[in-house]
């Protein structure tokens, strides 16, 4: 079989693996006279189950919240709508939080999608490149007049998830095998996901903290980031937030002046 023919065959074969409405390609054959349709259907089922299992491994808190049966039914619909684009299973499911948001039967759990976003960010942080976090001593040689112009380089593992719901608390309670505590659904929480050493850490940002860090990550100088944080919350504490971002390993380096 020529390369182009092989690619066309592989595409036709794969197209139906996540869609039960598609029949086995006409040129698929089975050895020793075994039934092509049945064997293809078995293979298709195995692929679907593997992808659902991958989603369950990536989103264990979501599965604990919904229950296994609900989760697997929801995941099956996602698999049919969103076939994998990478051979790496941990890369699968990036669209799952958005899918949850639009999933009819999850509407009574509006915070579920943001909980899933934190879980996805946790996994991405886990697989991110290694880098030494910024040390507190890096500020020692910088004179006070230059502070406002400092720009920060984010650690590859740093992620921020903003939510109008208590998604950080929901995530934390459901990643542990402990009793679930009552929460107020109106309590907004922003998550900071970092990996300063080998362990991924998920923490709740204080008021204004997410706006502050997102501004720094986008390239804004420190002075402008502080203004952004104060605009969002007048009680923003710059010293506390600077100390927290250093200890959490949010950044790897600082530089002065305009971005290159």
C-alpha atoms as a PDB file:
ATOM      1  CA  UNK A   1       0.000   0.000   0.000  1.00  0.00           C
ATOM      2  CA  UNK A   2       1.408   3.405  -1.022  1.00  0.00           C
ATOM      3  CA  UNK A   3       1.819   6.159   1.621  1.00  0.00           C
ATOM      4  CA  UNK A   4      -1.103   8.205   0.284  1.00  0.00           C
ATOM      5  CA  UNK A   5      -3.305   5.099   0.165  1.00  0.00           C
ATOM      6  CA  UNK A   6      -2.208   4.172   3.692  1.00  0.00           C
ATOM      7  CA  UNK A   7      -3.063   7.662   4.984  1.00  0.00           C
ATOM      8  CA  UNK A   8      -6.477   7.587   3.308  1.00  0.00           C
ATOM      9  CA  UNK A   9      -7.172   4.111   4.719  1.00  0.00           C
ATOM     10  CA  UNK A  10      -6.114   5.190   8.229  1.00  0.00           C
ATOM     11  CA  UNK A  11      -8.351   8.263   8.034  1.00  0.00           C
ATOM     12  CA  UNK A  12     -11.343   6.230   6.883  1.00  0.00           C
ATOM     13  CA  UNK A  13     -10.697   3.581   9.546  1.00  0.00           C
ATOM     14  CA  UNK A  14     -10.326   6.122  12.377  1.00  0.00           C
ATOM     15  CA  UNK A  15     -13.314   8.251  11.408  1.00  0.00           C
ATOM     16  CA  UNK A  16     -15.846   5.782  12.788  1.00  0.00           C
ATOM     17  CA  UNK A  17     -14.000   4.845  15.983  1.00  0.00           C
ATOM     18  CA  UNK A  18     -15.747   7.517  18.042  1.00  0.00           C
ATOM     19  CA  UNK A  19     -18.983   7.688  16.054  1.00  0.00           C
ATOM     20  CA  UNK A  20     -21.262   4.621  16.164  1.00  0.00           C
ATOM     21  CA  UNK A  21     -23.315   6.002  13.263  1.00  0.00           C
ATOM     22  CA  UNK A  22     -20.411   5.424  10.874  1.00  0.00           C
ATOM     23  CA  UNK A  23     -20.113   1.872   9.516  1.00  0.00           C
ATOM     24  CA  UNK A  24     -16.827   0.076   8.990  1.00  0.00           C
ATOM     25  CA  UNK A  25     -15.026   1.170   5.798  1.00  0.00           C
ATOM     26  CA  UNK A  26     -15.725  -1.089   2.824  1.00  0.00           C
ATOM     27  CA  UNK A  27     -12.067  -2.094   2.401  1.00  0.00           C
ATOM     28  CA  UNK A  28     -11.623  -3.309   5.989  1.00  0.00           C
ATOM     29  CA  UNK A  29     -11.121  -7.047   6.013  1.00  0.00           C
ATOM     30  CA  UNK A  30     -10.820  -9.708   8.719  1.00  0.00           C
ATOM     31  CA  UNK A  31      -8.712 -12.837   8.696  1.00  0.00           C
ATOM     32  CA  UNK A  32     -10.111 -16.343   8.488  1.00  0.00           C
ATOM     33  CA  UNK A  33     -13.571 -15.181   7.535  1.00  0.00           C
ATOM     34  CA  UNK A  34     -14.312 -13.523  10.892  1.00  0.00           C
ATOM     35  CA  UNK A  35     -17.048 -10.890  10.907  1.00  0.00           C
ATOM     36  CA  UNK A  36     -15.656  -7.499   9.937  1.00  0.00           C
ATOM     37  CA  UNK A  37     -18.532  -5.471  11.382  1.00  0.00           C
ATOM     38  CA  UNK A  38     -18.462  -7.172  14.781  1.00  0.00           C
ATOM     39  CA  UNK A  39     -14.683  -6.908  15.077  1.00  0.00           C
ATOM     40  CA  UNK A  40     -14.716  -3.253  14.053  1.00  0.00           C
ATOM     41  CA  UNK A  41     -17.467  -2.544  16.595  1.00  0.00           C
ATOM     42  CA  UNK A  42     -15.463  -4.250  19.358  1.00  0.00           C
ATOM     43  CA  UNK A  43     -12.422  -2.179  18.443  1.00  0.00           C
ATOM     44  CA  UNK A  44     -14.540   0.976  18.373  1.00  0.00           C
ATOM     45  CA  UNK A  45     -15.936   0.204  21.819  1.00  0.00           C
ATOM     46  CA  UNK A  46     -12.432  -0.382  23.198  1.00  0.00           C
ATOM     47  CA  UNK A  47     -11.277   2.995  21.854  1.00  0.00           C
ATOM     48  CA  UNK A  48     -14.287   4.765  23.374  1.00  0.00           C
ATOM     49  CA  UNK A  49     -13.794   3.100  26.758  1.00  0.00           C
ATOM     50  CA  UNK A  50     -10.087   4.005  26.724  1.00  0.00           C
ATOM     51  CA  UNK A  51     -10.899   7.670  26.066  1.00  0.00           C
ATOM     52  CA  UNK A  52     -13.562   7.718  28.795  1.00  0.00           C
ATOM     53  CA  UNK A  53     -11.045   6.150  31.191  1.00  0.00           C
ATOM     54  CA  UNK A  54      -8.534   8.852  30.212  1.00  0.00           C
ATOM     55  CA  UNK A  55     -11.081  11.573  31.023  1.00  0.00           C
ATOM     56  CA  UNK A  56     -11.824   9.921  34.377  1.00  0.00           C
ATOM     57  CA  UNK A  57      -8.097   9.938  35.192  1.00  0.00           C
ATOM     58  CA  UNK A  58      -7.751  13.616  34.228  1.00  0.00           C
ATOM     59  CA  UNK A  59     -10.937  14.781  35.977  1.00  0.00           C
ATOM     60  CA  UNK A  60     -11.298  12.666  39.159  1.00  0.00           C
ATOM     61  CA  UNK A  61     -12.937  15.487  41.150  1.00  0.00           C
ATOM     62  CA  UNK A  62     -15.573  15.971  38.449  1.00  0.00           C
ATOM     63  CA  UNK A  63     -16.289  12.232  38.479  1.00  0.00           C
ATOM     64  CA  UNK A  64     -16.574  12.199  42.270  1.00  0.00           C
ATOM     65  CA  UNK A  65     -19.038  15.112  42.156  1.00  0.00           C
ATOM     66  CA  UNK A  66     -21.263  13.655  39.446  1.00  0.00           C
ATOM     67  CA  UNK A  67     -20.895   9.977  40.269  1.00  0.00           C
ATOM     68  CA  UNK A  68     -19.355   7.374  37.970  1.00  0.00           C
ATOM     69  CA  UNK A  69     -22.476   6.601  35.933  1.00  0.00           C
ATOM     70  CA  UNK A  70     -23.277  10.264  35.194  1.00  0.00           C
ATOM     71  CA  UNK A  71     -19.633  11.035  34.415  1.00  0.00           C
ATOM     72  CA  UNK A  72     -19.170   8.160  31.995  1.00  0.00           C
ATOM     73  CA  UNK A  73     -22.402   8.986  30.151  1.00  0.00           C
ATOM     74  CA  UNK A  74     -21.307  12.625  29.831  1.00  0.00           C
ATOM     75  CA  UNK A  75     -17.799  11.598  28.800  1.00  0.00           C
ATOM     76  CA  UNK A  76     -19.176   9.262  26.110  1.00  0.00           C
ATOM     77  CA  UNK A  77     -21.047  12.172  24.508  1.00  0.00           C
ATOM     78  CA  UNK A  78     -17.848  14.224  24.636  1.00  0.00           C
ATOM     79  CA  UNK A  79     -15.837  11.435  22.996  1.00  0.00           C
ATOM     80  CA  UNK A  80     -18.342  11.215  20.153  1.00  0.00           C
ATOM     81  CA  UNK A  81     -18.260  14.985  19.638  1.00  0.00           C
ATOM     82  CA  UNK A  82     -14.507  15.468  20.083  1.00  0.00           C
ATOM     83  CA  UNK A  83     -12.182  12.770  18.739  1.00  0.00           C
ATOM     84  CA  UNK A  84      -8.543  12.892  19.930  1.00  0.00           C
ATOM     85  CA  UNK A  85      -6.006  14.942  17.973  1.00  0.00           C
ATOM     86  CA  UNK A  86      -2.908  13.586  19.713  1.00  0.00           C
ATOM     87  CA  UNK A  87      -1.666  10.028  20.365  1.00  0.00           C
ATOM     88  CA  UNK A  88      -0.884  11.088  23.963  1.00  0.00           C
ATOM     89  CA  UNK A  89      -3.866  10.322  26.188  1.00  0.00           C
ATOM     90  CA  UNK A  90      -2.979  13.001  28.754  1.00  0.00           C
ATOM     91  CA  UNK A  91      -3.422  15.583  25.986  1.00  0.00           C
ATOM     92  CA  UNK A  92      -7.004  14.463  25.454  1.00  0.00           C
ATOM     93  CA  UNK A  93      -9.939  16.274  27.021  1.00  0.00           C
ATOM     94  CA  UNK A  94      -8.810  19.904  26.782  1.00  0.00           C
ATOM     95  CA  UNK A  95     -12.286  20.799  25.519  1.00  0.00           C
ATOM     96  CA  UNK A  96     -14.060  18.824  28.232  1.00  0.00           C
ATOM     97  CA  UNK A  97     -14.656  21.802  30.601  1.00  0.00           C
ATOM     98  CA  UNK A  98     -16.328  23.765  27.783  1.00  0.00           C
ATOM     99  CA  UNK A  99     -18.337  20.673  26.878  1.00  0.00           C
ATOM    100  CA  UNK A 100     -19.528  20.372  30.495  1.00  0.00           C
ATOM    101  CA  UNK A 101     -20.647  24.002  30.338  1.00  0.00           C
ATOM    102  CA  UNK A 102     -22.943  23.211  27.422  1.00  0.00           C
ATOM    103  CA  UNK A 103     -24.024  19.753  28.604  1.00  0.00           C
ATOM    104  CA  UNK A 104     -27.762  19.875  29.270  1.00  0.00           C
ATOM    105  CA  UNK A 105     -27.762  17.515  32.245  1.00  0.00           C
ATOM    106  CA  UNK A 106     -24.968  19.430  34.050  1.00  0.00           C
ATOM    107  CA  UNK A 107     -26.815  22.770  34.090  1.00  0.00           C
ATOM    108  CA  UNK A 108     -27.777  22.311  37.731  1.00  0.00           C
ATOM    109  CA  UNK A 109     -24.042  22.265  38.543  1.00  0.00           C
ATOM    110  CA  UNK A 110     -22.838  25.557  36.989  1.00  0.00           C
ATOM    111  CA  UNK A 111     -19.552  25.392  38.922  1.00  0.00           C
ATOM    112  CA  UNK A 112     -18.652  21.973  37.502  1.00  0.00           C
ATOM    113  CA  UNK A 113     -16.942  23.345  34.369  1.00  0.00           C
ATOM    114  CA  UNK A 114     -14.633  25.604  36.397  1.00  0.00           C
ATOM    115  CA  UNK A 115     -13.761  22.705  38.678  1.00  0.00           C
ATOM    116  CA  UNK A 116     -12.801  20.792  35.528  1.00  0.00           C
ATOM    117  CA  UNK A 117     -10.709  23.759  34.340  1.00  0.00           C
ATOM    118  CA  UNK A 118      -8.710  23.610  37.565  1.00  0.00           C
ATOM    119  CA  UNK A 119      -8.169  19.871  37.095  1.00  0.00           C
ATOM    120  CA  UNK A 120      -6.971  20.438  33.525  1.00  0.00           C
ATOM    121  CA  UNK A 121      -4.648  23.202  34.718  1.00  0.00           C
ATOM    122  CA  UNK A 122      -3.311  20.834  37.414  1.00  0.00           C
ATOM    123  CA  UNK A 123      -2.395  18.251  34.784  1.00  0.00           C
ATOM    124  CA  UNK A 124      -0.833  20.824  32.458  1.00  0.00           C
ATOM    125  CA  UNK A 125       1.221  22.200  35.344  1.00  0.00           C
ATOM    126  CA  UNK A 126       2.350  18.668  36.199  1.00  0.00           C
ATOM    127  CA  UNK A 127       3.628  18.119  32.646  1.00  0.00           C
ATOM    128  CA  UNK A 128       5.090  21.614  32.170  1.00  0.00           C
ATOM    129  CA  UNK A 129       8.818  22.157  31.625  1.00  0.00           C
ATOM    130  CA  UNK A 130      11.125  22.410  34.621  1.00  0.00           C
ATOM    131  CA  UNK A 131      12.462  25.821  35.615  1.00  0.00           C
ATOM    132  CA  UNK A 132      13.974  27.309  38.740  1.00  0.00           C
ATOM    133  CA  UNK A 133      11.477  29.633  40.455  1.00  0.00           C
ATOM    134  CA  UNK A 134      12.373  33.241  41.144  1.00  0.00           C
ATOM    135  CA  UNK A 135      14.178  33.713  44.454  1.00  0.00           C
ATOM    136  CA  UNK A 136      13.211  36.469  46.873  1.00  0.00           C
ATOM    137  CA  UNK A 137      16.825  37.666  46.796  1.00  0.00           C
ATOM    138  CA  UNK A 138      16.326  38.755  43.172  1.00  0.00           C
ATOM    139  CA  UNK A 139      14.760  41.975  44.451  1.00  0.00           C
ATOM    140  CA  UNK A 140      17.721  42.871  46.655  1.00  0.00           C
ATOM    141  CA  UNK A 141      19.782  44.531  43.900  1.00  0.00           C
ATOM    142  CA  UNK A 142      16.891  46.547  42.453  1.00  0.00           C
ATOM    143  CA  UNK A 143      16.531  50.138  43.553  1.00  0.00           C
ATOM    144  CA  UNK A 144      13.111  51.357  44.671  1.00  0.00           C
ATOM    145  CA  UNK A 145      12.752  53.799  41.755  1.00  0.00           C
ATOM    146  CA  UNK A 146      12.946  50.922  39.244  1.00  0.00           C
ATOM    147  CA  UNK A 147      10.339  48.688  40.899  1.00  0.00           C
ATOM    148  CA  UNK A 148       7.365  50.002  38.923  1.00  0.00           C
ATOM    149  CA  UNK A 149       9.060  49.120  35.616  1.00  0.00           C
ATOM    150  CA  UNK A 150       9.920  45.527  36.502  1.00  0.00           C
ATOM    151  CA  UNK A 151       8.557  42.807  34.235  1.00  0.00           C
ATOM    152  CA  UNK A 152       8.248  39.156  35.180  1.00  0.00           C
ATOM    153  CA  UNK A 153       8.784  35.877  33.309  1.00  0.00           C
ATOM    154  CA  UNK A 154       6.152  33.291  34.230  1.00  0.00           C
ATOM    155  CA  UNK A 155       7.125  29.774  35.251  1.00  0.00           C
ATOM    156  CA  UNK A 156       6.003  27.246  32.558  1.00  0.00           C
ATOM    157  CA  UNK A 157       3.753  25.535  35.120  1.00  0.00           C
ATOM    158  CA  UNK A 158       1.877  28.664  36.218  1.00  0.00           C
ATOM    159  CA  UNK A 159      -1.852  28.646  35.516  1.00  0.00           C
ATOM    160  CA  UNK A 160      -4.722  30.843  36.737  1.00  0.00           C
ATOM    161  CA  UNK A 161      -8.392  29.866  36.644  1.00  0.00           C
ATOM    162  CA  UNK A 162     -10.992  32.495  37.532  1.00  0.00           C
ATOM    163  CA  UNK A 163     -14.448  31.427  38.649  1.00  0.00           C
ATOM    164  CA  UNK A 164     -17.610  33.144  39.906  1.00  0.00           C
ATOM    165  CA  UNK A 165     -18.142  30.003  42.020  1.00  0.00           C
ATOM    166  CA  UNK A 166     -16.186  28.429  44.926  1.00  0.00           C
ATOM    167  CA  UNK A 167     -14.372  26.197  42.424  1.00  0.00           C
ATOM    168  CA  UNK A 168     -11.109  26.044  44.410  1.00  0.00           C
ATOM    169  CA  UNK A 169     -12.865  24.687  47.498  1.00  0.00           C
ATOM    170  CA  UNK A 170     -14.941  22.286  45.404  1.00  0.00           C
ATOM    171  CA  UNK A 171     -11.787  21.038  43.663  1.00  0.00           C
ATOM    172  CA  UNK A 172      -9.913  20.584  46.951  1.00  0.00           C
ATOM    173  CA  UNK A 173     -12.738  18.734  48.714  1.00  0.00           C
ATOM    174  CA  UNK A 174     -13.264  16.346  45.822  1.00  0.00           C
ATOM    175  CA  UNK A 175      -9.619  15.484  45.197  1.00  0.00           C
ATOM    176  CA  UNK A 176      -9.484  14.017  48.697  1.00  0.00           C
ATOM    177  CA  UNK A 177     -11.509  11.151  50.096  1.00  0.00           C
ATOM    178  CA  UNK A 178     -13.061  13.270  52.824  1.00  0.00           C
ATOM    179  CA  UNK A 179     -16.490  14.515  53.817  1.00  0.00           C
ATOM    180  CA  UNK A 180     -17.967  17.288  51.670  1.00  0.00           C
ATOM    181  CA  UNK A 181     -18.645  20.569  53.465  1.00  0.00           C
ATOM    182  CA  UNK A 182     -21.488  22.952  52.537  1.00  0.00           C
ATOM    183  CA  UNK A 183     -20.491  25.952  50.381  1.00  0.00           C
ATOM    184  CA  UNK A 184     -22.135  29.162  49.237  1.00  0.00           C
ATOM    185  CA  UNK A 185     -22.451  28.979  45.442  1.00  0.00           C
ATOM    186  CA  UNK A 186     -22.177  32.772  45.211  1.00  0.00           C
ATOM    187  CA  UNK A 187     -18.620  32.859  46.624  1.00  0.00           C
ATOM    188  CA  UNK A 188     -16.260  33.592  43.719  1.00  0.00           C
ATOM    189  CA  UNK A 189     -12.799  32.009  43.905  1.00  0.00           C
ATOM    190  CA  UNK A 190      -9.726  32.353  41.697  1.00  0.00           C
ATOM    191  CA  UNK A 191      -7.250  29.482  41.530  1.00  0.00           C
ATOM    192  CA  UNK A 192      -3.479  29.707  41.231  1.00  0.00           C
ATOM    193  CA  UNK A 193      -1.825  26.523  39.998  1.00  0.00           C
ATOM    194  CA  UNK A 194       1.966  26.288  40.331  1.00  0.00           C
ATOM    195  CA  UNK A 195       4.733  23.718  40.606  1.00  0.00           C
ATOM    196  CA  UNK A 196       7.606  25.354  42.484  1.00  0.00           C
ATOM    197  CA  UNK A 197       9.303  21.998  43.144  1.00  0.00           C
ATOM    198  CA  UNK A 198       7.995  18.619  42.016  1.00  0.00           C
ATOM    199  CA  UNK A 199       4.494  18.892  43.461  1.00  0.00           C
ATOM    200  CA  UNK A 200       1.638  20.789  41.847  1.00  0.00           C
ATOM    201  CA  UNK A 201      -0.008  23.241  44.243  1.00  0.00           C
ATOM    202  CA  UNK A 202      -3.501  24.702  43.875  1.00  0.00           C
ATOM    203  CA  UNK A 203      -4.206  27.732  46.038  1.00  0.00           C
ATOM    204  CA  UNK A 204      -6.896  30.363  46.278  1.00  0.00           C
ATOM    205  CA  UNK A 205      -5.862  33.866  45.260  1.00  0.00           C
ATOM    206  CA  UNK A 206      -6.856  36.837  47.414  1.00  0.00           C
ATOM    207  CA  UNK A 207      -9.001  39.680  46.105  1.00  0.00           C
ATOM    208  CA  UNK A 208      -7.250  41.382  43.200  1.00  0.00           C
ATOM    209  CA  UNK A 209      -4.587  38.671  43.063  1.00  0.00           C
ATOM    210  CA  UNK A 210      -5.714  37.106  39.796  1.00  0.00           C
ATOM    211  CA  UNK A 211      -5.913  40.466  38.012  1.00  0.00           C
ATOM    212  CA  UNK A 212      -2.451  41.333  39.347  1.00  0.00           C
ATOM    213  CA  UNK A 213      -0.791  38.087  38.229  1.00  0.00           C
ATOM    214  CA  UNK A 214      -2.551  37.947  34.870  1.00  0.00           C
ATOM    215  CA  UNK A 215      -1.327  41.480  34.122  1.00  0.00           C
ATOM    216  CA  UNK A 216       2.247  40.480  35.011  1.00  0.00           C
ATOM    217  CA  UNK A 217       2.054  37.265  33.002  1.00  0.00           C
ATOM    218  CA  UNK A 218       0.819  39.209  29.961  1.00  0.00           C
ATOM    219  CA  UNK A 219       3.901  41.435  30.127  1.00  0.00           C
ATOM    220  CA  UNK A 220       2.644  44.492  32.014  1.00  0.00           C
ATOM    221  CA  UNK A 221       5.190  46.175  34.304  1.00  0.00           C
ATOM    222  CA  UNK A 222       4.739  45.885  38.042  1.00  0.00           C
ATOM    223  CA  UNK A 223       3.326  49.396  38.436  1.00  0.00           C
ATOM    224  CA  UNK A 224       0.614  48.831  35.832  1.00  0.00           C
ATOM    225  CA  UNK A 225      -0.240  45.412  37.291  1.00  0.00           C
ATOM    226  CA  UNK A 226      -0.719  46.961  40.722  1.00  0.00           C
ATOM    227  CA  UNK A 227      -3.052  49.587  39.230  1.00  0.00           C
ATOM    228  CA  UNK A 228      -5.060  46.799  37.556  1.00  0.00           C
ATOM    229  CA  UNK A 229      -5.366  44.983  40.881  1.00  0.00           C
ATOM    230  CA  UNK A 230      -6.462  48.120  42.756  1.00  0.00           C
ATOM    231  CA  UNK A 231      -9.042  48.849  40.066  1.00  0.00           C
ATOM    232  CA  UNK A 232     -10.569  45.427  40.711  1.00  0.00           C
ATOM    233  CA  UNK A 233     -10.280  45.550  44.495  1.00  0.00           C
ATOM    234  CA  UNK A 234      -9.308  48.601  46.560  1.00  0.00           C
ATOM    235  CA  UNK A 235      -8.155  46.389  49.434  1.00  0.00           C
ATOM    236  CA  UNK A 236      -5.430  44.736  47.317  1.00  0.00           C
ATOM    237  CA  UNK A 237      -2.297  44.193  49.430  1.00  0.00           C
ATOM    238  CA  UNK A 238       0.771  44.475  47.214  1.00  0.00           C
ATOM    239  CA  UNK A 239       3.316  43.269  49.775  1.00  0.00           C
ATOM    240  CA  UNK A 240       1.326  40.180  50.707  1.00  0.00           C
ATOM    241  CA  UNK A 241       0.752  39.308  47.035  1.00  0.00           C
ATOM    242  CA  UNK A 242       4.419  39.779  46.094  1.00  0.00           C
ATOM    243  CA  UNK A 243       5.522  37.517  48.933  1.00  0.00           C
ATOM    244  CA  UNK A 244       2.900  34.916  48.018  1.00  0.00           C
ATOM    245  CA  UNK A 245       3.840  34.832  44.328  1.00  0.00           C
ATOM    246  CA  UNK A 246       7.509  34.326  45.219  1.00  0.00           C
ATOM    247  CA  UNK A 247       6.806  31.480  47.657  1.00  0.00           C
ATOM    248  CA  UNK A 248       4.405  29.861  45.163  1.00  0.00           C
ATOM    249  CA  UNK A 249       6.986  29.905  42.354  1.00  0.00           C
ATOM    250  CA  UNK A 250       4.796  31.858  39.916  1.00  0.00           C
ATOM    251  CA  UNK A 251       7.756  33.442  38.084  1.00  0.00           C
ATOM    252  CA  UNK A 252      11.277  32.478  37.087  1.00  0.00           C
ATOM    253  CA  UNK A 253      12.960  35.820  36.373  1.00  0.00           C
ATOM    254  CA  UNK A 254      12.571  39.587  36.367  1.00  0.00           C
ATOM    255  CA  UNK A 255      13.821  42.206  33.956  1.00  0.00           C
ATOM    256  CA  UNK A 256      13.665  45.969  33.888  1.00  0.00           C
ATOM    257  CA  UNK A 257      12.526  48.307  31.110  1.00  0.00           C
ATOM    258  CA  UNK A 258      10.243  47.775  28.111  1.00  0.00           C
ATOM    259  CA  UNK A 259       9.735  44.257  26.686  1.00  0.00           C
ATOM    260  CA  UNK A 260      12.150  43.288  23.927  1.00  0.00           C
END
